[in-house]
Amino acid sequence: MLRIALGAIAGFFAWMILWVATEKTLSAILPEWYGAPQLAFQNAVENGGGQFTAETRLLLAHIVIVTIVSAMSGYLAALIADENLRGPMVLGFLLLAMGLMKAYMSWPYVPIWYHVVFTAVLIPMAILGGKLKPTV
């Protein structure tokens, strides 16, 4: 049970680190395509918006990133938990809680389809990532 909890916690922190690192890297490499819209989105959420309109390309990039990062984190959770389902599933629920908080904070700034897809992929991708760990 302790390994499951440690796997889920490590997976959660890995998810956060991978998410932030990916955002910072894409913002540095593609400042006009990713960095500027991401900064405008962040400012809108932090300062109460104004005339912000989310760009579909940024939202789709987030969906791709959350899919990959969630699977990677699920794999790590399974690796630490030494089993393929419970650690990644607990991680998925932790990510869902974080995703719902993110949706609450950014609700007025992005379309509903983004909130639905972003939160819907968290649990399945964490579990899928856990399933990628070979069983012995």
N, C-alpha and C. Protein backbone atom coordinates (compact mmCIF):
# COMPACT_ATOMS: atom_id res chain seq x y z
N MET A 1 0.82 -1.20 0.00
CA MET A 1 0.00 0.00 0.00
C MET A 1 0.86 1.26 0.00
N LEU A 2 1.96 1.22 0.75
CA LEU A 2 2.86 2.37 0.81
C LEU A 2 3.48 2.63 -0.56
N ARG A 3 3.84 1.56 -1.27
CA ARG A 3 4.43 1.73 -2.61
C ARG A 3 3.43 2.34 -3.58
N ILE A 4 2.16 1.99 -3.43
CA ILE A 4 1.12 2.56 -4.29
C ILE A 4 1.01 4.06 -4.05
N ALA A 5 0.99 4.45 -2.77
CA ALA A 5 0.91 5.87 -2.43
C ALA A 5 2.15 6.62 -2.91
N LEU A 6 3.31 6.02 -2.68
CA LEU A 6 4.55 6.67 -3.13
C LEU A 6 4.60 6.79 -4.65
N GLY A 7 4.13 5.76 -5.34
CA GLY A 7 4.09 5.80 -6.80
C GLY A 7 3.18 6.90 -7.30
N ALA A 8 1.99 7.03 -6.68
CA ALA A 8 1.04 8.06 -7.10
C ALA A 8 1.59 9.46 -6.81
N ILE A 9 2.19 9.63 -5.66
CA ILE A 9 2.75 10.94 -5.31
C ILE A 9 3.91 11.30 -6.23
N ALA A 10 4.80 10.33 -6.46
CA ALA A 10 5.93 10.59 -7.37
C ALA A 10 5.43 10.89 -8.77
N GLY A 11 4.41 10.15 -9.21
CA GLY A 11 3.83 10.40 -10.53
C GLY A 11 3.23 11.79 -10.63
N PHE A 12 2.58 12.22 -9.55
CA PHE A 12 1.98 13.56 -9.54
C PHE A 12 3.05 14.64 -9.66
N PHE A 13 4.12 14.50 -8.86
CA PHE A 13 5.19 15.50 -8.94
C PHE A 13 5.90 15.43 -10.29
N ALA A 14 6.06 14.24 -10.82
CA ALA A 14 6.66 14.11 -12.15
C ALA A 14 5.78 14.79 -13.20
N TRP A 15 4.46 14.61 -13.08
CA TRP A 15 3.53 15.24 -14.01
C TRP A 15 3.72 16.76 -13.98
N MET A 16 3.76 17.33 -12.76
CA MET A 16 3.90 18.78 -12.63
C MET A 16 5.22 19.27 -13.23
N ILE A 17 6.30 18.55 -12.95
CA ILE A 17 7.61 18.94 -13.46
C ILE A 17 7.63 18.84 -14.99
N LEU A 18 7.11 17.74 -15.52
CA LEU A 18 7.08 17.57 -16.97
C LEU A 18 6.20 18.62 -17.65
N TRP A 19 5.06 18.94 -17.04
CA TRP A 19 4.15 19.94 -17.61
C TRP A 19 4.85 21.30 -17.68
N VAL A 20 5.41 21.73 -16.57
CA VAL A 20 6.06 23.05 -16.52
C VAL A 20 7.28 23.08 -17.44
N ALA A 21 8.07 22.02 -17.44
CA ALA A 21 9.25 21.98 -18.30
C ALA A 21 8.85 22.04 -19.77
N THR A 22 7.80 21.33 -20.14
CA THR A 22 7.33 21.35 -21.53
C THR A 22 6.84 22.74 -21.90
N GLU A 23 6.06 23.35 -21.01
CA GLU A 23 5.55 24.71 -21.28
C GLU A 23 6.70 25.71 -21.44
N LYS A 24 7.66 25.64 -20.54
CA LYS A 24 8.79 26.58 -20.61
C LYS A 24 9.63 26.34 -21.87
N THR A 25 9.85 25.08 -22.20
CA THR A 25 10.65 24.75 -23.38
C THR A 25 9.96 25.22 -24.66
N LEU A 26 8.67 24.91 -24.78
CA LEU A 26 7.93 25.35 -25.97
C LEU A 26 7.85 26.87 -26.06
N SER A 27 7.70 27.53 -24.91
CA SER A 27 7.65 28.99 -24.91
C SER A 27 8.99 29.59 -25.36
N ALA A 28 10.09 28.94 -24.98
CA ALA A 28 11.41 29.44 -25.37
C ALA A 28 11.73 29.14 -26.84
N ILE A 29 11.36 27.95 -27.29
CA ILE A 29 11.68 27.55 -28.66
C ILE A 29 10.74 28.20 -29.68
N LEU A 30 9.46 28.31 -29.31
CA LEU A 30 8.45 28.87 -30.22
C LEU A 30 7.74 30.05 -29.56
N PRO A 31 8.45 31.16 -29.39
CA PRO A 31 7.86 32.26 -28.62
C PRO A 31 6.59 32.86 -29.23
N GLU A 32 6.54 32.97 -30.54
CA GLU A 32 5.35 33.56 -31.16
C GLU A 32 4.20 32.57 -31.25
N TRP A 33 4.53 31.32 -31.56
CA TRP A 33 3.50 30.31 -31.77
C TRP A 33 2.91 29.81 -30.45
N TYR A 34 3.78 29.62 -29.45
CA TYR A 34 3.32 29.05 -28.17
C TYR A 34 3.49 30.01 -27.01
N GLY A 35 4.61 30.68 -26.94
CA GLY A 35 4.93 31.50 -25.78
C GLY A 35 4.00 32.68 -25.56
N ALA A 36 3.74 33.47 -26.61
CA ALA A 36 2.90 34.65 -26.46
C ALA A 36 1.46 34.29 -26.10
N PRO A 37 0.82 33.33 -26.79
CA PRO A 37 -0.55 32.98 -26.38
C PRO A 37 -0.59 32.37 -24.97
N GLN A 38 0.43 31.58 -24.62
CA GLN A 38 0.46 30.98 -23.30
C GLN A 38 0.59 32.07 -22.23
N LEU A 39 1.42 33.05 -22.46
CA LEU A 39 1.58 34.16 -21.51
C LEU A 39 0.28 34.96 -21.39
N ALA A 40 -0.40 35.20 -22.50
CA ALA A 40 -1.67 35.91 -22.46
C ALA A 40 -2.71 35.13 -21.67
N PHE A 41 -2.74 33.81 -21.85
CA PHE A 41 -3.65 32.94 -21.11
C PHE A 41 -3.35 32.99 -19.61
N GLN A 42 -2.08 32.89 -19.28
CA GLN A 42 -1.67 32.93 -17.88
C GLN A 42 -2.02 34.27 -17.24
N ASN A 43 -1.79 35.36 -17.94
CA ASN A 43 -2.14 36.69 -17.42
C ASN A 43 -3.65 36.83 -17.24
N ALA A 44 -4.42 36.28 -18.16
CA ALA A 44 -5.88 36.36 -18.05
C ALA A 44 -6.36 35.62 -16.81
N VAL A 45 -5.81 34.44 -16.56
CA VAL A 45 -6.22 33.66 -15.39
C VAL A 45 -5.80 34.36 -14.11
N GLU A 46 -4.57 34.88 -14.07
CA GLU A 46 -4.05 35.51 -12.86
C GLU A 46 -4.67 36.88 -12.58
N ASN A 47 -4.99 37.64 -13.63
CA ASN A 47 -5.43 39.03 -13.45
C ASN A 47 -6.89 39.27 -13.78
N GLY A 48 -7.64 38.24 -14.05
CA GLY A 48 -9.06 38.44 -14.27
C GLY A 48 -9.47 38.71 -15.70
N GLY A 49 -8.64 38.39 -16.64
CA GLY A 49 -9.09 38.32 -18.02
C GLY A 49 -9.02 39.55 -18.88
N GLY A 50 -10.10 40.24 -18.98
CA GLY A 50 -10.17 41.32 -19.96
C GLY A 50 -10.66 40.76 -21.27
N GLN A 51 -9.95 41.05 -22.35
CA GLN A 51 -10.37 40.66 -23.69
C GLN A 51 -9.58 39.46 -24.20
N PHE A 52 -9.33 38.49 -23.38
CA PHE A 52 -8.57 37.31 -23.81
C PHE A 52 -9.46 36.33 -24.56
N THR A 53 -8.95 35.85 -25.69
CA THR A 53 -9.61 34.79 -26.44
C THR A 53 -8.60 33.67 -26.64
N ALA A 54 -8.94 32.48 -26.19
CA ALA A 54 -8.03 31.34 -26.31
C ALA A 54 -7.83 30.96 -27.76
N GLU A 55 -6.60 30.63 -28.10
CA GLU A 55 -6.28 30.19 -29.45
C GLU A 55 -6.39 28.68 -29.51
N THR A 56 -7.06 28.19 -30.53
CA THR A 56 -7.30 26.76 -30.65
C THR A 56 -6.00 25.97 -30.72
N ARG A 57 -4.99 26.51 -31.41
CA ARG A 57 -3.72 25.78 -31.52
C ARG A 57 -3.07 25.58 -30.15
N LEU A 58 -3.18 26.57 -29.26
CA LEU A 58 -2.64 26.44 -27.92
C LEU A 58 -3.42 25.39 -27.14
N LEU A 59 -4.73 25.40 -27.27
CA LEU A 59 -5.57 24.43 -26.56
C LEU A 59 -5.30 23.02 -27.05
N LEU A 60 -5.15 22.85 -28.36
CA LEU A 60 -4.83 21.53 -28.91
C LEU A 60 -3.44 21.06 -28.47
N ALA A 61 -2.50 22.00 -28.41
CA ALA A 61 -1.17 21.66 -27.91
C ALA A 61 -1.25 21.18 -26.47
N HIS A 62 -2.07 21.84 -25.66
CA HIS A 62 -2.25 21.41 -24.26
C HIS A 62 -2.82 20.01 -24.19
N ILE A 63 -3.77 19.69 -25.06
CA ILE A 63 -4.37 18.35 -25.06
C ILE A 63 -3.31 17.30 -25.39
N VAL A 64 -2.47 17.58 -26.39
CA VAL A 64 -1.40 16.64 -26.74
C VAL A 64 -0.42 16.50 -25.58
N ILE A 65 -0.05 17.62 -24.97
CA ILE A 65 0.90 17.58 -23.86
C ILE A 65 0.33 16.81 -22.69
N VAL A 66 -0.92 17.08 -22.31
CA VAL A 66 -1.51 16.40 -21.15
C VAL A 66 -1.62 14.90 -21.42
N THR A 67 -1.86 14.51 -22.65
CA THR A 67 -1.96 13.09 -22.99
C THR A 67 -0.62 12.40 -22.78
N ILE A 68 0.44 12.98 -23.31
CA ILE A 68 1.77 12.38 -23.22
C ILE A 68 2.29 12.40 -21.78
N VAL A 69 2.17 13.54 -21.12
CA VAL A 69 2.69 13.68 -19.76
C VAL A 69 1.93 12.78 -18.79
N SER A 70 0.63 12.63 -18.97
CA SER A 70 -0.14 11.76 -18.09
C SER A 70 0.27 10.30 -18.25
N ALA A 71 0.51 9.87 -19.48
CA ALA A 71 0.97 8.50 -19.71
C ALA A 71 2.35 8.28 -19.11
N MET A 72 3.26 9.22 -19.28
CA MET A 72 4.60 9.10 -18.71
C MET A 72 4.54 9.02 -17.18
N SER A 73 3.70 9.84 -16.59
CA SER A 73 3.57 9.85 -15.13
C SER A 73 2.93 8.55 -14.63
N GLY A 74 1.96 8.03 -15.38
CA GLY A 74 1.36 6.76 -15.02
C GLY A 74 2.36 5.63 -15.06
N TYR A 75 3.24 5.66 -16.04
CA TYR A 75 4.30 4.66 -16.13
C TYR A 75 5.20 4.73 -14.90
N LEU A 76 5.59 5.94 -14.52
CA LEU A 76 6.44 6.11 -13.33
C LEU A 76 5.72 5.62 -12.08
N ALA A 77 4.45 5.94 -11.94
CA ALA A 77 3.68 5.49 -10.78
C ALA A 77 3.64 3.97 -10.72
N ALA A 78 3.45 3.31 -11.85
CA ALA A 78 3.43 1.85 -11.89
C ALA A 78 4.80 1.27 -11.57
N LEU A 79 5.83 1.92 -12.05
CA LEU A 79 7.19 1.46 -11.81
C LEU A 79 7.50 1.50 -10.31
N ILE A 80 7.15 2.59 -9.65
CA ILE A 80 7.42 2.73 -8.21
C ILE A 80 6.49 1.84 -7.39
N ALA A 81 5.22 1.76 -7.77
CA ALA A 81 4.25 0.95 -7.03
C ALA A 81 4.48 -0.54 -7.26
N ASP A 82 5.23 -0.89 -8.28
CA ASP A 82 5.53 -2.26 -8.65
C ASP A 82 4.27 -3.05 -9.02
N GLU A 83 3.28 -2.37 -9.54
CA GLU A 83 2.08 -2.98 -10.10
C GLU A 83 1.47 -2.01 -11.09
N ASN A 84 0.60 -2.51 -11.97
CA ASN A 84 0.21 -1.72 -13.13
C ASN A 84 -1.10 -0.95 -13.01
N LEU A 85 -1.89 -1.14 -11.98
CA LEU A 85 -3.21 -0.52 -12.00
C LEU A 85 -3.44 0.46 -10.86
N ARG A 86 -3.25 0.04 -9.64
CA ARG A 86 -3.67 0.88 -8.51
C ARG A 86 -2.86 2.17 -8.38
N GLY A 87 -1.55 2.11 -8.53
CA GLY A 87 -0.74 3.33 -8.46
C GLY A 87 -1.13 4.34 -9.53
N PRO A 88 -1.19 3.91 -10.79
CA PRO A 88 -1.61 4.84 -11.84
C PRO A 88 -3.05 5.33 -11.67
N MET A 89 -3.93 4.49 -11.11
CA MET A 89 -5.32 4.92 -10.92
C MET A 89 -5.40 5.99 -9.84
N VAL A 90 -4.67 5.80 -8.75
CA VAL A 90 -4.64 6.83 -7.70
C VAL A 90 -4.06 8.12 -8.28
N LEU A 91 -2.99 7.98 -9.06
CA LEU A 91 -2.41 9.15 -9.73
C LEU A 91 -3.45 9.82 -10.61
N GLY A 92 -4.19 9.05 -11.37
CA GLY A 92 -5.21 9.61 -12.24
C GLY A 92 -6.23 10.43 -11.48
N PHE A 93 -6.65 9.95 -10.30
CA PHE A 93 -7.60 10.72 -9.51
C PHE A 93 -6.97 11.98 -8.92
N LEU A 94 -5.70 11.92 -8.55
CA LEU A 94 -5.00 13.14 -8.11
C LEU A 94 -4.94 14.15 -9.26
N LEU A 95 -4.63 13.66 -10.44
CA LEU A 95 -4.57 14.55 -11.61
C LEU A 95 -5.95 15.10 -11.95
N LEU A 96 -6.98 14.29 -11.78
CA LEU A 96 -8.34 14.76 -12.04
C LEU A 96 -8.70 15.90 -11.09
N ALA A 97 -8.35 15.76 -9.81
CA ALA A 97 -8.61 16.83 -8.84
C ALA A 97 -7.89 18.12 -9.26
N MET A 98 -6.63 17.97 -9.67
CA MET A 98 -5.88 19.14 -10.13
C MET A 98 -6.49 19.70 -11.42
N GLY A 99 -6.92 18.83 -12.32
CA GLY A 99 -7.53 19.27 -13.57
C GLY A 99 -8.83 20.01 -13.35
N LEU A 100 -9.62 19.56 -12.38
CA LEU A 100 -10.87 20.26 -12.06
C LEU A 100 -10.59 21.64 -11.47
N MET A 101 -9.54 21.74 -10.65
CA MET A 101 -9.17 23.07 -10.13
C MET A 101 -8.71 23.98 -11.28
N LYS A 102 -7.95 23.43 -12.21
CA LYS A 102 -7.50 24.20 -13.37
C LYS A 102 -8.70 24.65 -14.20
N ALA A 103 -9.66 23.76 -14.39
CA ALA A 103 -10.87 24.11 -15.16
C ALA A 103 -11.65 25.21 -14.46
N TYR A 104 -11.75 25.14 -13.15
CA TYR A 104 -12.46 26.16 -12.39
C TYR A 104 -11.80 27.53 -12.57
N MET A 105 -10.47 27.55 -12.48
CA MET A 105 -9.73 28.82 -12.59
C MET A 105 -9.78 29.40 -13.99
N SER A 106 -9.82 28.55 -15.01
CA SER A 106 -9.75 29.05 -16.38
C SER A 106 -11.09 28.96 -17.11
N TRP A 107 -12.16 28.65 -16.40
CA TRP A 107 -13.47 28.42 -17.04
C TRP A 107 -13.90 29.53 -17.99
N PRO A 108 -13.80 30.82 -17.60
CA PRO A 108 -14.33 31.86 -18.51
C PRO A 108 -13.46 32.13 -19.74
N TYR A 109 -12.27 31.57 -19.79
CA TYR A 109 -11.33 31.96 -20.83
C TYR A 109 -11.18 30.96 -21.96
N VAL A 110 -11.65 29.74 -21.77
CA VAL A 110 -11.49 28.72 -22.81
C VAL A 110 -12.82 28.02 -23.04
N PRO A 111 -13.01 27.43 -24.23
CA PRO A 111 -14.28 26.76 -24.52
C PRO A 111 -14.48 25.50 -23.69
N ILE A 112 -15.72 25.11 -23.54
CA ILE A 112 -16.05 23.96 -22.70
C ILE A 112 -15.44 22.67 -23.22
N TRP A 113 -15.31 22.53 -24.55
CA TRP A 113 -14.74 21.30 -25.09
C TRP A 113 -13.34 21.07 -24.55
N TYR A 114 -12.59 22.15 -24.34
CA TYR A 114 -11.23 22.02 -23.82
C TYR A 114 -11.26 21.47 -22.40
N HIS A 115 -12.12 22.02 -21.56
CA HIS A 115 -12.21 21.54 -20.17
C HIS A 115 -12.59 20.07 -20.14
N VAL A 116 -13.56 19.69 -20.96
CA VAL A 116 -14.03 18.31 -20.98
C VAL A 116 -12.92 17.36 -21.43
N VAL A 117 -12.26 17.69 -22.53
CA VAL A 117 -11.22 16.80 -23.06
C VAL A 117 -10.02 16.76 -22.12
N PHE A 118 -9.59 17.91 -21.62
CA PHE A 118 -8.42 17.97 -20.74
C PHE A 118 -8.63 17.08 -19.52
N THR A 119 -9.78 17.22 -18.86
CA THR A 119 -10.01 16.43 -17.64
C THR A 119 -10.33 14.98 -17.97
N ALA A 120 -10.93 14.72 -19.14
CA ALA A 120 -11.32 13.35 -19.49
C ALA A 120 -10.12 12.46 -19.80
N VAL A 121 -9.02 13.00 -20.25
CA VAL A 121 -7.88 12.16 -20.61
C VAL A 121 -6.97 11.84 -19.42
N LEU A 122 -7.11 12.54 -18.31
CA LEU A 122 -6.17 12.37 -17.20
C LEU A 122 -6.15 10.95 -16.65
N ILE A 123 -7.29 10.43 -16.23
CA ILE A 123 -7.32 9.08 -15.64
C ILE A 123 -6.98 8.00 -16.67
N PRO A 124 -7.62 7.99 -17.84
CA PRO A 124 -7.29 6.91 -18.79
C PRO A 124 -5.82 6.90 -19.22
N MET A 125 -5.24 8.07 -19.42
CA MET A 125 -3.84 8.09 -19.86
C MET A 125 -2.88 7.69 -18.74
N ALA A 126 -3.20 8.05 -17.50
CA ALA A 126 -2.37 7.60 -16.38
C ALA A 126 -2.42 6.07 -16.28
N ILE A 127 -3.62 5.51 -16.43
CA ILE A 127 -3.77 4.05 -16.37
C ILE A 127 -3.07 3.40 -17.57
N LEU A 128 -3.23 3.97 -18.75
CA LEU A 128 -2.55 3.43 -19.94
C LEU A 128 -1.03 3.46 -19.75
N GLY A 129 -0.52 4.56 -19.20
CA GLY A 129 0.92 4.63 -18.93
C GLY A 129 1.35 3.53 -17.96
N GLY A 130 0.53 3.25 -16.96
CA GLY A 130 0.84 2.17 -16.04
C GLY A 130 0.84 0.82 -16.72
N LYS A 131 -0.06 0.63 -17.68
CA LYS A 131 -0.14 -0.63 -18.41
C LYS A 131 1.10 -0.85 -19.30
N LEU A 132 1.81 0.22 -19.62
CA LEU A 132 3.02 0.09 -20.44
C LEU A 132 4.18 -0.54 -19.69
N LYS A 133 4.08 -0.54 -18.36
CA LYS A 133 5.14 -1.16 -17.55
C LYS A 133 5.04 -2.67 -17.71
N PRO A 134 6.13 -3.31 -18.10
CA PRO A 134 6.09 -4.75 -18.27
C PRO A 134 5.87 -5.47 -16.93
N THR A 135 5.06 -6.48 -16.94
CA THR A 135 4.85 -7.28 -15.72
C THR A 135 5.85 -8.41 -15.69
N VAL A 136 6.27 -8.75 -14.50
CA VAL A 136 7.27 -9.81 -14.36
C VAL A 136 6.64 -11.02 -13.75
